[in-house]
PDB file of all heavy atoms in Angstrom:
ATOM      1  N   THR A   1     -25.836   6.080 -12.327  1.00  0.00           N
ATOM      2  CA  THR A   1     -26.837   5.764 -13.342  1.00  0.00           C
ATOM      3  C   THR A   1     -27.186   4.278 -13.370  1.00  0.00           C
ATOM      4  O   THR A   1     -28.080   3.865 -14.104  1.00  0.00           O
ATOM      5  CB  THR A   1     -26.327   6.172 -14.741  1.00  0.00           C
ATOM      6  OG1 THR A   1     -25.142   5.426 -15.054  1.00  0.00           O
ATOM      7  CG2 THR A   1     -26.011   7.660 -14.773  1.00  0.00           C
ATOM      8  N   GLY A   2     -26.472   3.473 -12.581  1.00  0.00           N
ATOM      9  CA  GLY A   2     -26.687   2.040 -12.598  1.00  0.00           C
ATOM     10  C   GLY A   2     -25.860   1.319 -13.636  1.00  0.00           C
ATOM     11  O   GLY A   2     -25.903   0.079 -13.726  1.00  0.00           O
ATOM     12  N   GLN A   3     -25.093   2.056 -14.442  1.00  0.00           N
ATOM     13  CA  GLN A   3     -24.252   1.461 -15.462  1.00  0.00           C
ATOM     14  C   GLN A   3     -23.072   0.739 -14.829  1.00  0.00           C
ATOM     15  O   GLN A   3     -22.379   1.299 -13.983  1.00  0.00           O
ATOM     16  CB  GLN A   3     -23.750   2.537 -16.423  1.00  0.00           C
ATOM     17  CG  GLN A   3     -22.822   2.044 -17.510  1.00  0.00           C
ATOM     18  CD  GLN A   3     -23.518   1.089 -18.460  1.00  0.00           C
ATOM     19  OE1 GLN A   3     -24.681   1.303 -18.797  1.00  0.00           O
ATOM     20  NE2 GLN A   3     -22.831   0.050 -18.885  1.00  0.00           N
ATOM     21  N   GLN A   4     -22.846  -0.504 -15.235  1.00  0.00           N
ATOM     22  CA  GLN A   4     -21.752  -1.297 -14.672  1.00  0.00           C
ATOM     23  C   GLN A   4     -20.540  -1.259 -15.575  1.00  0.00           C
ATOM     24  O   GLN A   4     -20.657  -1.345 -16.797  1.00  0.00           O
ATOM     25  CB  GLN A   4     -22.201  -2.739 -14.451  1.00  0.00           C
ATOM     26  CG  GLN A   4     -21.160  -3.609 -13.769  1.00  0.00           C
ATOM     27  CD  GLN A   4     -21.730  -4.929 -13.311  1.00  0.00           C
ATOM     28  OE1 GLN A   4     -22.371  -5.006 -12.269  1.00  0.00           O
ATOM     29  NE2 GLN A   4     -21.503  -5.977 -14.089  1.00  0.00           N
ATOM     30  N   SER A   5     -19.358  -1.124 -14.974  1.00  0.00           N
ATOM     31  CA  SER A   5     -18.099  -1.069 -15.718  1.00  0.00           C
ATOM     32  C   SER A   5     -17.150  -2.143 -15.216  1.00  0.00           C
ATOM     33  O   SER A   5     -17.176  -2.513 -14.037  1.00  0.00           O
ATOM     34  CB  SER A   5     -17.436   0.304 -15.559  1.00  0.00           C
ATOM     35  OG  SER A   5     -18.272   1.337 -16.048  1.00  0.00           O
ATOM     36  N   ASP A   6     -16.320  -2.644 -16.130  1.00  0.00           N
ATOM     37  CA  ASP A   6     -15.262  -3.576 -15.765  1.00  0.00           C
ATOM     38  C   ASP A   6     -14.042  -2.795 -15.281  1.00  0.00           C
ATOM     39  O   ASP A   6     -13.728  -1.725 -15.813  1.00  0.00           O
ATOM     40  CB  ASP A   6     -14.866  -4.446 -16.955  1.00  0.00           C
ATOM     41  CG  ASP A   6     -15.987  -5.378 -17.381  1.00  0.00           C
ATOM     42  OD1 ASP A   6     -16.733  -5.848 -16.505  1.00  0.00           O
ATOM     43  OD2 ASP A   6     -16.137  -5.612 -18.599  1.00  0.00           O
ATOM     44  N   VAL A   7     -13.343  -3.326 -14.301  1.00  0.00           N
ATOM     45  CA  VAL A   7     -12.147  -2.702 -13.755  1.00  0.00           C
ATOM     46  C   VAL A   7     -10.974  -3.669 -13.940  1.00  0.00           C
ATOM     47  O   VAL A   7     -11.044  -4.818 -13.512  1.00  0.00           O
ATOM     48  CB  VAL A   7     -12.309  -2.364 -12.261  1.00  0.00           C
ATOM     49  CG1 VAL A   7     -11.042  -1.721 -11.715  1.00  0.00           C
ATOM     50  CG2 VAL A   7     -13.504  -1.449 -12.040  1.00  0.00           C
ATOM     51  N   LYS A   8      -9.904  -3.200 -14.577  1.00  0.00           N
ATOM     52  CA  LYS A   8      -8.703  -4.011 -14.763  1.00  0.00           C
ATOM     53  C   LYS A   8      -7.473  -3.130 -14.608  1.00  0.00           C
ATOM     54  O   LYS A   8      -7.492  -1.964 -15.012  1.00  0.00           O
ATOM     55  CB  LYS A   8      -8.689  -4.668 -16.141  1.00  0.00           C
ATOM     56  CG  LYS A   8      -9.772  -5.712 -16.356  1.00  0.00           C
ATOM     57  CD  LYS A   8      -9.646  -6.353 -17.732  1.00  0.00           C
ATOM     58  CE  LYS A   8     -10.730  -7.409 -17.925  1.00  0.00           C
ATOM     59  NZ  LYS A   8     -10.625  -8.051 -19.256  1.00  0.00           N
ATOM     60  N   GLY A   9      -6.415  -3.674 -14.048  1.00  0.00           N
ATOM     61  CA  GLY A   9      -5.190  -2.899 -13.898  1.00  0.00           C
ATOM     62  C   GLY A   9      -4.155  -3.634 -13.078  1.00  0.00           C
ATOM     63  O   GLY A   9      -4.200  -4.854 -12.920  1.00  0.00           O
ATOM     64  N   PHE A  10      -3.218  -2.880 -12.519  1.00  0.00           N
ATOM     65  CA  PHE A  10      -2.155  -3.461 -11.704  1.00  0.00           C
ATOM     66  C   PHE A  10      -1.831  -2.529 -10.551  1.00  0.00           C
ATOM     67  O   PHE A  10      -2.214  -1.358 -10.527  1.00  0.00           O
ATOM     68  CB  PHE A  10      -0.900  -3.720 -12.535  1.00  0.00           C
ATOM     69  CG  PHE A  10      -0.160  -2.463 -12.925  1.00  0.00           C
ATOM     70  CD1 PHE A  10       0.862  -1.974 -12.124  1.00  0.00           C
ATOM     71  CD2 PHE A  10      -0.499  -1.775 -14.075  1.00  0.00           C
ATOM     72  CE1 PHE A  10       1.541  -0.811 -12.466  1.00  0.00           C
ATOM     73  CE2 PHE A  10       0.173  -0.603 -14.426  1.00  0.00           C
ATOM     74  CZ  PHE A  10       1.189  -0.125 -13.624  1.00  0.00           C
ATOM     75  N   GLN A  11      -1.080  -3.075  -9.607  1.00  0.00           N
ATOM     76  CA  GLN A  11      -0.725  -2.328  -8.400  1.00  0.00           C
ATOM     77  C   GLN A  11       0.665  -2.745  -7.954  1.00  0.00           C
ATOM     78  O   GLN A  11       1.012  -3.927  -8.011  1.00  0.00           O
ATOM     79  CB  GLN A  11      -1.752  -2.647  -7.309  1.00  0.00           C
ATOM     80  CG  GLN A  11      -1.497  -2.002  -5.972  1.00  0.00           C
ATOM     81  CD  GLN A  11      -2.464  -2.544  -4.925  1.00  0.00           C
ATOM     82  OE1 GLN A  11      -2.066  -3.318  -4.068  1.00  0.00           O
ATOM     83  NE2 GLN A  11      -3.728  -2.160  -5.007  1.00  0.00           N
ATOM     84  N   THR A  12       1.477  -1.785  -7.528  1.00  0.00           N
ATOM     85  CA  THR A  12       2.796  -2.070  -6.970  1.00  0.00           C
ATOM     86  C   THR A  12       2.896  -1.423  -5.594  1.00  0.00           C
ATOM     87  O   THR A  12       2.409  -0.310  -5.380  1.00  0.00           O
ATOM     88  CB  THR A  12       3.926  -1.538  -7.870  1.00  0.00           C
ATOM     89  OG1 THR A  12       3.793  -0.108  -8.007  1.00  0.00           O
ATOM     90  CG2 THR A  12       3.866  -2.182  -9.248  1.00  0.00           C
ATOM     91  N   ASN A  13       3.531  -2.128  -4.680  1.00  0.00           N
ATOM     92  CA  ASN A  13       3.695  -1.644  -3.311  1.00  0.00           C
ATOM     93  C   ASN A  13       5.113  -1.917  -2.828  1.00  0.00           C
ATOM     94  O   ASN A  13       5.777  -2.847  -3.296  1.00  0.00           O
ATOM     95  CB  ASN A  13       2.741  -2.363  -2.353  1.00  0.00           C
ATOM     96  CG  ASN A  13       1.295  -2.236  -2.749  1.00  0.00           C
ATOM     97  OD1 ASN A  13       0.640  -1.253  -2.450  1.00  0.00           O
ATOM     98  ND2 ASN A  13       0.777  -3.262  -3.436  1.00  0.00           N
ATOM     99  N   LEU A  14       5.544  -1.108  -1.885  1.00  0.00           N
ATOM    100  CA  LEU A  14       6.787  -1.376  -1.165  1.00  0.00           C
ATOM    101  C   LEU A  14       6.517  -1.108   0.307  1.00  0.00           C
ATOM    102  O   LEU A  14       6.260   0.023   0.716  1.00  0.00           O
ATOM    103  CB  LEU A  14       7.934  -0.490  -1.652  1.00  0.00           C
ATOM    104  CG  LEU A  14       9.275  -0.740  -0.951  1.00  0.00           C
ATOM    105  CD1 LEU A  14       9.784  -2.150  -1.285  1.00  0.00           C
ATOM    106  CD2 LEU A  14      10.311   0.309  -1.354  1.00  0.00           C
ATOM    107  N   PHE A  15       6.535  -2.172   1.102  1.00  0.00           N
ATOM    108  CA  PHE A  15       6.330  -2.043   2.535  1.00  0.00           C
ATOM    109  C   PHE A  15       7.694  -2.034   3.218  1.00  0.00           C
ATOM    110  O   PHE A  15       8.461  -2.988   3.083  1.00  0.00           O
ATOM    111  CB  PHE A  15       5.498  -3.217   3.062  1.00  0.00           C
ATOM    112  CG  PHE A  15       4.220  -3.442   2.317  1.00  0.00           C
ATOM    113  CD1 PHE A  15       4.061  -4.557   1.523  1.00  0.00           C
ATOM    114  CD2 PHE A  15       3.181  -2.538   2.404  1.00  0.00           C
ATOM    115  CE1 PHE A  15       2.887  -4.780   0.828  1.00  0.00           C
ATOM    116  CE2 PHE A  15       2.001  -2.738   1.710  1.00  0.00           C
ATOM    117  CZ  PHE A  15       1.859  -3.864   0.922  1.00  0.00           C
ATOM    118  N   ALA A  16       7.997  -0.982   3.934  1.00  0.00           N
ATOM    119  CA  ALA A  16       9.284  -0.866   4.624  1.00  0.00           C
ATOM    120  C   ALA A  16       9.037  -0.555   6.094  1.00  0.00           C
ATOM    121  O   ALA A  16       8.196   0.293   6.428  1.00  0.00           O
ATOM    122  CB  ALA A  16      10.142   0.230   3.993  1.00  0.00           C
ATOM    123  N   SER A  17       9.755  -1.242   6.980  1.00  0.00           N
ATOM    124  CA  SER A  17       9.612  -1.007   8.420  1.00  0.00           C
ATOM    125  C   SER A  17      10.983  -0.968   9.074  1.00  0.00           C
ATOM    126  O   SER A  17      11.895  -1.700   8.687  1.00  0.00           O
ATOM    127  CB  SER A  17       8.765  -2.107   9.063  1.00  0.00           C
ATOM    128  OG  SER A  17       9.423  -3.366   8.971  1.00  0.00           O
ATOM    129  N   TYR A  18      11.099  -0.103  10.066  1.00  0.00           N
ATOM    130  CA  TYR A  18      12.358   0.048  10.796  1.00  0.00           C
ATOM    131  C   TYR A  18      12.068  -0.018  12.291  1.00  0.00           C
ATOM    132  O   TYR A  18      11.276   0.767  12.822  1.00  0.00           O
ATOM    133  CB  TYR A  18      13.029   1.372  10.461  1.00  0.00           C
ATOM    134  CG  TYR A  18      14.336   1.588  11.198  1.00  0.00           C
ATOM    135  CD1 TYR A  18      15.506   0.973  10.765  1.00  0.00           C
ATOM    136  CD2 TYR A  18      14.387   2.393  12.339  1.00  0.00           C
ATOM    137  CE1 TYR A  18      16.706   1.156  11.445  1.00  0.00           C
ATOM    138  CE2 TYR A  18      15.577   2.579  13.027  1.00  0.00           C
ATOM    139  CZ  TYR A  18      16.737   1.961  12.570  1.00  0.00           C
ATOM    140  OH  TYR A  18      17.910   2.134  13.247  1.00  0.00           O
ATOM    141  N   ALA A  19      12.704  -0.975  12.976  1.00  0.00           N
ATOM    142  CA  ALA A  19      12.525  -1.139  14.419  1.00  0.00           C
ATOM    143  C   ALA A  19      13.494  -0.214  15.152  1.00  0.00           C
ATOM    144  O   ALA A  19      14.708  -0.408  15.093  1.00  0.00           O
ATOM    145  CB  ALA A  19      12.757  -2.584  14.821  1.00  0.00           C
ATOM    146  N   ILE A  20      12.963   0.797  15.829  1.00  0.00           N
ATOM    147  CA  ILE A  20      13.802   1.692  16.626  1.00  0.00           C
ATOM    148  C   ILE A  20      14.365   0.937  17.821  1.00  0.00           C
ATOM    149  O   ILE A  20      15.557   1.016  18.130  1.00  0.00           O
ATOM    150  CB  ILE A  20      12.984   2.911  17.087  1.00  0.00           C
ATOM    151  CG1 ILE A  20      12.440   3.672  15.869  1.00  0.00           C
ATOM    152  CG2 ILE A  20      13.826   3.832  17.958  1.00  0.00           C
ATOM    153  CD1 ILE A  20      11.481   4.790  16.228  1.00  0.00           C
ATOM    154  N   ASN A  21      13.497   0.175  18.487  1.00  0.00           N
ATOM    155  CA  ASN A  21      13.871  -0.740  19.565  1.00  0.00           C
ATOM    156  C   ASN A  21      12.740  -1.760  19.665  1.00  0.00           C
ATOM    157  O   ASN A  21      11.889  -1.832  18.771  1.00  0.00           O
ATOM    158  CB  ASN A  21      14.114   0.007  20.894  1.00  0.00           C
ATOM    159  CG  ASN A  21      12.970   0.957  21.220  1.00  0.00           C
ATOM    160  OD1 ASN A  21      11.805   0.558  21.175  1.00  0.00           O
ATOM    161  ND2 ASN A  21      13.295   2.198  21.545  1.00  0.00           N
ATOM    162  N   ASP A  22      12.716  -2.564  20.737  1.00  0.00           N
ATOM    163  CA  ASP A  22      11.678  -3.586  20.826  1.00  0.00           C
ATOM    164  C   ASP A  22      10.330  -3.029  21.255  1.00  0.00           C
ATOM    165  O   ASP A  22       9.364  -3.794  21.408  1.00  0.00           O
ATOM    166  CB  ASP A  22      12.105  -4.705  21.771  1.00  0.00           C
ATOM    167  CG  ASP A  22      12.273  -4.215  23.215  1.00  0.00           C
ATOM    168  OD1 ASP A  22      12.197  -2.991  23.445  1.00  0.00           O
ATOM    169  OD2 ASP A  22      12.504  -5.068  24.098  1.00  0.00           O
ATOM    170  N   SER A  23      10.236  -1.698  21.427  1.00  0.00           N
ATOM    171  CA  SER A  23       8.977  -1.098  21.865  1.00  0.00           C
ATOM    172  C   SER A  23       8.470  -0.001  20.931  1.00  0.00           C
ATOM    173  O   SER A  23       7.432   0.610  21.218  1.00  0.00           O
ATOM    174  CB  SER A  23       9.124  -0.517  23.283  1.00  0.00           C
ATOM    175  OG  SER A  23       9.436  -1.535  24.213  1.00  0.00           O
ATOM    176  N   SER A  24       9.154   0.263  19.815  1.00  0.00           N
ATOM    177  CA  SER A  24       8.703   1.308  18.892  1.00  0.00           C
ATOM    178  C   SER A  24       9.258   1.056  17.499  1.00  0.00           C
ATOM    179  O   SER A  24      10.285   0.395  17.331  1.00  0.00           O
ATOM    180  CB  SER A  24       9.121   2.699  19.381  1.00  0.00           C
ATOM    181  OG  SER A  24      10.530   2.777  19.514  1.00  0.00           O
ATOM    182  N   TYR A  25       8.576   1.590  16.507  1.00  0.00           N
ATOM    183  CA  TYR A  25       8.963   1.390  15.114  1.00  0.00           C
ATOM    184  C   TYR A  25       8.430   2.536  14.263  1.00  0.00           C
ATOM    185  O   TYR A  25       7.536   3.296  14.673  1.00  0.00           O
ATOM    186  CB  TYR A  25       8.411   0.060  14.582  1.00  0.00           C
ATOM    187  CG  TYR A  25       6.901   0.000  14.533  1.00  0.00           C
ATOM    188  CD1 TYR A  25       6.190   0.405  13.399  1.00  0.00           C
ATOM    189  CD2 TYR A  25       6.159  -0.448  15.628  1.00  0.00           C
ATOM    190  CE1 TYR A  25       4.805   0.359  13.358  1.00  0.00           C
ATOM    191  CE2 TYR A  25       4.782  -0.501  15.599  1.00  0.00           C
ATOM    192  CZ  TYR A  25       4.100  -0.100  14.452  1.00  0.00           C
ATOM    193  OH  TYR A  25       2.736  -0.139  14.424  1.00  0.00           O
ATOM    194  N   ILE A  26       8.988   2.660  13.063  1.00  0.00           N
ATOM    195  CA  ILE A  26       8.457   3.573  12.057  1.00  0.00           C
ATOM    196  C   ILE A  26       8.234   2.768  10.778  1.00  0.00           C
ATOM    197  O   ILE A  26       8.862   1.727  10.554  1.00  0.00           O
ATOM    198  CB  ILE A  26       9.404   4.764  11.785  1.00  0.00           C
ATOM    199  CG1 ILE A  26      10.791   4.283  11.355  1.00  0.00           C
ATOM    200  CG2 ILE A  26       9.488   5.670  12.989  1.00  0.00           C
ATOM    201  CD1 ILE A  26      11.738   5.416  11.003  1.00  0.00           C
ATOM    202  N   LEU A  27       7.317   3.235   9.935  1.00  0.00           N
ATOM    203  CA  LEU A  27       7.019   2.524   8.705  1.00  0.00           C
ATOM    204  C   LEU A  27       6.862   3.504   7.547  1.00  0.00           C
ATOM    205  O   LEU A  27       6.520   4.670   7.722  1.00  0.00           O
ATOM    206  CB  LEU A  27       5.757   1.670   8.859  1.00  0.00           C
ATOM    207  CG  LEU A  27       4.433   2.344   9.239  1.00  0.00           C
ATOM    208  CD1 LEU A  27       3.696   2.870   8.009  1.00  0.00           C
ATOM    209  CD2 LEU A  27       3.538   1.371   9.988  1.00  0.00           C
ATOM    210  N   LEU A  28       7.128   2.992   6.352  1.00  0.00           N
ATOM    211  CA  LEU A  28       6.978   3.742   5.110  1.00  0.00           C
ATOM    212  C   LEU A  28       6.382   2.808   4.067  1.00  0.00           C
ATOM    213  O   LEU A  28       6.949   1.727   3.815  1.00  0.00           O
ATOM    214  CB  LEU A  28       8.324   4.285   4.628  1.00  0.00           C
ATOM    215  CG  LEU A  28       8.321   5.003   3.269  1.00  0.00           C
ATOM    216  CD1 LEU A  28       7.538   6.308   3.364  1.00  0.00           C
ATOM    217  CD2 LEU A  28       9.748   5.265   2.802  1.00  0.00           C
ATOM    218  N   GLN A  29       5.249   3.200   3.463  1.00  0.00           N
ATOM    219  CA  GLN A  29       4.548   2.317   2.539  1.00  0.00           C
ATOM    220  C   GLN A  29       4.060   3.089   1.315  1.00  0.00           C
ATOM    221  O   GLN A  29       2.937   3.586   1.286  1.00  0.00           O
ATOM    222  CB  GLN A  29       3.372   1.639   3.245  1.00  0.00           C
ATOM    223  CG  GLN A  29       3.795   0.748   4.407  1.00  0.00           C
ATOM    224  CD  GLN A  29       2.624   0.155   5.157  1.00  0.00           C
ATOM    225  OE1 GLN A  29       1.479   0.549   4.973  1.00  0.00           O
ATOM    226  NE2 GLN A  29       2.902  -0.807   6.024  1.00  0.00           N
ATOM    227  N   PRO A  30       4.887   3.213   0.263  1.00  0.00           N
ATOM    228  CA  PRO A  30       4.421   3.827  -0.985  1.00  0.00           C
ATOM    229  C   PRO A  30       3.675   2.814  -1.848  1.00  0.00           C
ATOM    230  O   PRO A  30       3.960   1.612  -1.810  1.00  0.00           O
ATOM    231  CB  PRO A  30       5.722   4.274  -1.653  1.00  0.00           C
ATOM    232  CG  PRO A  30       6.750   3.324  -1.137  1.00  0.00           C
ATOM    233  CD  PRO A  30       6.331   2.943   0.251  1.00  0.00           C
ATOM    234  N   GLN A  31       2.724   3.324  -2.641  1.00  0.00           N
ATOM    235  CA  GLN A  31       1.924   2.467  -3.509  1.00  0.00           C
ATOM    236  C   GLN A  31       1.555   3.216  -4.782  1.00  0.00           C
ATOM    237  O   GLN A  31       1.265   4.421  -4.750  1.00  0.00           O
ATOM    238  CB  GLN A  31       0.636   2.032  -2.801  1.00  0.00           C
ATOM    239  CG  GLN A  31      -0.301   1.180  -3.660  1.00  0.00           C
ATOM    240  CD  GLN A  31      -1.681   1.047  -3.045  1.00  0.00           C
ATOM    241  OE1 GLN A  31      -2.519   1.929  -3.173  1.00  0.00           O
ATOM    242  NE2 GLN A  31      -1.912  -0.060  -2.349  1.00  0.00           N
ATOM    243  N   PHE A  32       1.578   2.498  -5.899  1.00  0.00           N
ATOM    244  CA  PHE A  32       1.084   3.050  -7.161  1.00  0.00           C
ATOM    245  C   PHE A  32       0.132   2.048  -7.795  1.00  0.00           C
ATOM    246  O   PHE A  32       0.420   0.854  -7.847  1.00  0.00           O
ATOM    247  CB  PHE A  32       2.225   3.344  -8.134  1.00  0.00           C
ATOM    248  CG  PHE A  32       1.735   3.839  -9.477  1.00  0.00           C
ATOM    249  CD1 PHE A  32       1.277   5.147  -9.624  1.00  0.00           C
ATOM    250  CD2 PHE A  32       1.705   2.994 -10.576  1.00  0.00           C
ATOM    251  CE1 PHE A  32       0.802   5.597 -10.846  1.00  0.00           C
ATOM    252  CE2 PHE A  32       1.235   3.439 -11.802  1.00  0.00           C
ATOM    253  CZ  PHE A  32       0.789   4.746 -11.943  1.00  0.00           C
ATOM    254  N   GLN A  33      -0.999   2.562  -8.279  1.00  0.00           N
ATOM    255  CA  GLN A  33      -2.004   1.707  -8.912  1.00  0.00           C
ATOM    256  C   GLN A  33      -2.516   2.355 -10.184  1.00  0.00           C
ATOM    257  O   GLN A  33      -2.741   3.573 -10.229  1.00  0.00           O
ATOM    258  CB  GLN A  33      -3.178   1.450  -7.971  1.00  0.00           C
ATOM    259  CG  GLN A  33      -4.287   0.608  -8.598  1.00  0.00           C
ATOM    260  CD  GLN A  33      -5.403   0.331  -7.632  1.00  0.00           C
ATOM    261  OE1 GLN A  33      -5.374  -0.637  -6.884  1.00  0.00           O
ATOM    262  NE2 GLN A  33      -6.401   1.197  -7.621  1.00  0.00           N
TER     263      GLN A  33
END
């Protein structure tokens, strides 16, 4: 409709990485906003 709204809030993240060896890795990244 063209109506403009203000956006306010917060966000939390946890970035986790695990090196299997020097040529491969796995990652896990949960987030809540």
